[in-house]
Amino acid sequence: MRERLNSRLQISLTIIAILLGFLAFMLQNKCSKVGNISEVVFWILFVFSIVTISLSILFFILSLYSYKHKLLPSATSTDQYKRDLLEHFKDHEDPNKIVGKYLKEYLYDYYRDFSSENTIINDKKSFFLHLTNLFLIISVVLLFLTFIPYYFGPLDKSNFIKPIKVVIEQPVIIENRNEPKKRNGGQNEQKEKFSTTNSSTTP
């Protein structure tokens, strides 16, 4: 029974971790200050999801650490009790028979009392585990409903086109490709003017 409870607790712990990861994913990728009805519905369902997951974690802790099982005496303590009985009844006739009788009663009393207490403890742990699974189911439903306004709202950052930021670290020089031609043309005109002036001044 105890091993079965521990295995069921491990499954519940895995589901809790998945739900917390899903909550963190939506919170991290949600757009800020959208300001529509989808965001209001999202936050209401999101808060209720956190409450139900918190309750499931609380009952999980109670089912895991609130009660401790009773254990039978160890072999060392039982052997020491047997030695004490032998020492006590050593002057009686057939002390081994008397010791065997008391030893059986000793073990039977421990088994009866501890098995009864462990049954009650297992019932309480099973009840807390039932509440844990109940609130986990409610949390799964609430998270599914929370995802609807998150995705279709839209509140997901991935649904928006992100602007590209360009950083210019050095000045940009823009050259006009027609400018060199003008410069060459001006130099040719100056050469023509210079040749005409020289021809007019010669006798």
Protein backbone atom coordinates (compact mmCIF):
# COMPACT_ATOMS: atom_id res chain seq x y z
CA MET A 1 0.00 0.00 0.00
CA ARG A 2 2.77 2.40 0.90
CA GLU A 3 4.67 1.73 -2.34
CA ARG A 4 1.49 2.20 -4.35
CA LEU A 5 0.88 5.58 -2.73
CA ASN A 6 4.46 6.68 -3.44
CA SER A 7 4.14 5.76 -7.12
CA ARG A 8 0.88 7.71 -7.40
CA LEU A 9 2.53 10.69 -5.71
CA GLN A 10 5.30 10.67 -8.31
CA ILE A 11 2.72 10.88 -11.11
CA SER A 12 1.01 13.81 -9.39
CA LEU A 13 4.35 15.56 -8.93
CA THR A 14 5.09 15.22 -12.66
CA ILE A 15 1.71 16.72 -13.59
CA ILE A 16 2.25 19.64 -11.18
CA ALA A 17 5.63 20.40 -12.77
CA ILE A 18 4.10 20.35 -16.28
CA LEU A 19 1.28 22.71 -15.27
CA LEU A 20 3.67 25.14 -13.61
CA GLY A 21 5.83 25.14 -16.74
CA PHE A 22 2.79 25.88 -18.89
CA LEU A 23 1.80 28.79 -16.63
CA ALA A 24 5.33 30.21 -16.82
CA PHE A 25 5.29 29.87 -20.62
CA MET A 26 2.07 31.86 -21.03
CA LEU A 27 3.17 34.51 -18.55
CA GLN A 28 6.54 34.95 -20.25
CA ASN A 29 5.14 35.18 -23.79
CA LYS A 30 2.08 37.31 -23.03
CA CYS A 31 1.83 40.77 -24.54
CA SER A 32 1.68 43.57 -22.01
CA LYS A 33 -1.25 46.02 -21.77
CA VAL A 34 -3.43 44.80 -24.60
CA GLY A 35 -6.49 46.28 -22.92
CA ASN A 36 -9.33 44.17 -24.35
CA ILE A 37 -11.88 41.75 -22.93
CA SER A 38 -9.64 38.80 -23.81
CA GLU A 39 -6.97 40.04 -21.43
CA VAL A 40 -9.50 40.39 -18.59
CA VAL A 41 -10.78 36.85 -19.12
CA PHE A 42 -7.19 35.60 -19.37
CA TRP A 43 -6.17 37.09 -16.03
CA ILE A 44 -9.27 35.80 -14.25
CA LEU A 45 -8.70 32.25 -15.46
CA PHE A 46 -4.96 32.57 -14.85
CA VAL A 47 -5.48 33.53 -11.19
CA PHE A 48 -7.95 30.68 -10.65
CA SER A 49 -5.43 28.28 -12.20
CA ILE A 50 -2.75 29.44 -9.78
CA VAL A 51 -5.14 28.95 -6.84
CA THR A 52 -6.09 25.40 -7.85
CA ILE A 53 -2.47 24.42 -8.52
CA SER A 54 -1.47 25.86 -5.14
CA LEU A 55 -4.16 23.78 -3.44
CA SER A 56 -2.99 20.67 -5.24
CA ILE A 57 0.58 21.36 -4.08
CA LEU A 58 -0.67 21.83 -0.50
CA PHE A 59 -2.54 18.50 -0.46
CA PHE A 60 0.41 16.85 -2.17
CA ILE A 61 2.69 17.95 0.67
CA LEU A 62 0.15 16.77 3.26
CA SER A 63 -0.13 13.38 1.62
CA LEU A 64 3.65 13.04 1.48
CA TYR A 65 4.96 14.46 4.77
CA SER A 66 2.06 14.94 7.18
CA TYR A 67 2.11 11.43 8.68
CA LYS A 68 4.82 8.86 9.31
CA HIS A 69 4.27 5.13 9.22
CA LYS A 70 4.94 3.09 12.33
CA LEU A 71 7.64 0.47 11.98
CA LEU A 72 8.14 -2.80 13.85
CA PRO A 73 11.06 -3.00 16.27
CA SER A 74 14.39 -3.76 14.71
CA ALA A 75 16.04 -7.16 15.00
CA THR A 76 18.59 -5.73 17.42
CA SER A 77 15.99 -4.42 19.86
CA THR A 78 13.99 -7.67 19.60
CA ASP A 79 17.10 -9.71 20.34
CA GLN A 80 17.89 -7.49 23.30
CA TYR A 81 14.36 -7.96 24.62
CA LYS A 82 14.79 -11.74 24.32
CA ARG A 83 18.05 -11.58 26.29
CA ASP A 84 16.36 -9.58 29.02
CA LEU A 85 13.58 -12.18 29.22
CA LEU A 86 16.09 -15.02 29.48
CA GLU A 87 17.88 -13.18 32.24
CA HIS A 88 14.63 -12.55 34.06
CA PHE A 89 13.27 -16.12 33.83
CA LYS A 90 16.56 -18.02 34.17
CA ASP A 91 15.55 -19.45 37.56
CA HIS A 92 12.19 -20.79 36.30
CA GLU A 93 11.54 -24.19 34.87
CA ASP A 94 11.90 -24.33 31.07
CA PRO A 95 12.78 -20.60 30.63
CA ASN A 96 12.95 -20.91 26.84
CA LYS A 97 9.28 -21.82 26.66
CA ILE A 98 8.31 -18.87 28.83
CA VAL A 99 10.53 -16.52 26.82
CA GLY A 100 9.03 -17.78 23.56
CA LYS A 101 5.54 -17.07 24.84
CA TYR A 102 6.36 -13.52 25.92
CA LEU A 103 8.30 -12.87 22.74
CA LYS A 104 5.33 -13.86 20.57
CA GLU A 105 3.06 -11.59 22.58
CA TYR A 106 5.62 -8.79 22.26
CA LEU A 107 5.74 -9.06 18.48
CA TYR A 108 1.98 -9.56 18.14
CA ASP A 109 1.20 -6.44 20.18
CA TYR A 110 3.53 -4.33 18.05
CA TYR A 111 2.12 -5.74 14.82
CA ARG A 112 -1.50 -5.22 15.94
CA ASP A 113 -1.02 -1.65 17.13
CA PHE A 114 1.24 -0.47 14.32
CA SER A 115 -0.76 -2.10 11.52
CA SER A 116 -3.92 -0.40 12.82
CA GLU A 117 -2.19 3.00 12.97
CA ASN A 118 -0.63 2.52 9.54
CA THR A 119 -4.03 1.69 8.07
CA ILE A 120 -5.43 4.97 9.40
CA ILE A 121 -2.38 6.85 8.08
CA ASN A 122 -2.74 5.26 4.64
CA ASP A 123 -6.41 6.24 4.53
CA LYS A 124 -5.54 9.86 5.32
CA LYS A 125 -2.76 9.90 2.76
CA SER A 126 -5.11 8.44 0.15
CA PHE A 127 -7.68 11.12 0.93
CA PHE A 128 -5.12 13.92 0.52
CA LEU A 129 -3.88 12.32 -2.67
CA HIS A 130 -7.46 12.21 -3.95
CA LEU A 131 -7.81 15.94 -3.27
CA THR A 132 -4.49 16.53 -5.01
CA ASN A 133 -5.66 14.77 -8.16
CA LEU A 134 -9.05 16.50 -8.00
CA PHE A 135 -7.50 19.97 -8.00
CA LEU A 136 -5.05 18.91 -10.69
CA ILE A 137 -7.96 17.98 -12.95
CA ILE A 138 -9.60 21.34 -12.26
CA SER A 139 -6.28 23.06 -12.99
CA VAL A 140 -5.95 21.30 -16.34
CA VAL A 141 -9.45 22.45 -17.34
CA LEU A 142 -8.77 26.03 -16.22
CA LEU A 143 -5.44 26.13 -18.05
CA PHE A 144 -7.11 24.92 -21.23
CA LEU A 145 -9.70 27.70 -20.89
CA THR A 146 -6.91 30.20 -20.13
CA PHE A 147 -5.09 29.23 -23.31
CA ILE A 148 -8.12 30.13 -25.49
CA PRO A 149 -8.04 33.93 -24.88
CA TYR A 150 -4.24 33.77 -24.73
CA TYR A 151 -3.97 32.36 -28.26
CA PHE A 152 -7.05 33.79 -29.97
CA GLY A 153 -7.15 37.12 -28.07
CA PRO A 154 -4.50 37.58 -29.34
CA LEU A 155 -2.18 37.87 -26.36
CA ASP A 156 0.70 35.77 -27.68
CA LYS A 157 3.77 37.78 -28.67
CA SER A 158 4.53 35.42 -31.54
CA ASN A 159 1.34 36.54 -33.33
CA PHE A 160 2.68 40.06 -33.75
CA ILE A 161 5.29 41.24 -36.26
CA LYS A 162 8.28 42.42 -34.31
CA PRO A 163 9.98 45.63 -35.56
CA ILE A 164 13.57 45.26 -36.67
CA LYS A 165 15.96 47.56 -34.89
CA VAL A 166 18.87 48.79 -37.01
CA VAL A 167 21.85 50.37 -35.26
CA ILE A 168 24.24 52.47 -37.38
CA GLU A 169 27.65 52.57 -35.78
CA GLN A 170 29.50 54.46 -38.59
CA PRO A 171 28.37 57.34 -40.81
CA VAL A 172 26.92 56.34 -44.16
CA ILE A 173 28.37 58.09 -47.24
CA ILE A 174 26.01 58.35 -50.22
CA GLU A 175 27.74 59.06 -53.54
CA ASN A 176 26.10 60.33 -56.72
CA ARG A 177 27.20 58.22 -59.68
CA ASN A 178 26.56 61.10 -62.16
CA GLU A 179 28.83 63.48 -60.30
CA PRO A 180 32.16 62.23 -61.74
CA LYS A 181 30.82 62.70 -65.27
CA LYS A 182 29.97 66.32 -64.51
CA ARG A 183 33.40 66.88 -63.13
CA ASN A 184 35.03 65.42 -66.24
CA GLY A 185 32.74 67.51 -68.43
CA GLY A 186 33.70 70.68 -66.57
CA GLN A 187 37.36 69.92 -66.97
CA ASN A 188 36.89 69.50 -70.75
CA GLU A 189 35.05 72.82 -70.97
CA GLN A 190 37.87 74.55 -69.10
CA LYS A 191 40.39 73.01 -71.48
CA GLU A 192 38.42 74.25 -74.54
CA LYS A 193 38.16 77.79 -73.07
CA PHE A 194 41.89 77.81 -72.38
CA SER A 195 42.72 76.73 -75.94
CA THR A 196 40.48 79.42 -77.49
CA THR A 197 42.03 82.18 -75.40
CA ASN A 198 45.51 81.08 -76.38
CA SER A 199 44.61 81.03 -80.07
CA SER A 200 43.16 84.55 -79.91
CA THR A 201 46.18 86.02 -78.18
CA THR A 202 48.72 84.64 -80.63
CA PRO A 203 49.81 87.16 -83.39
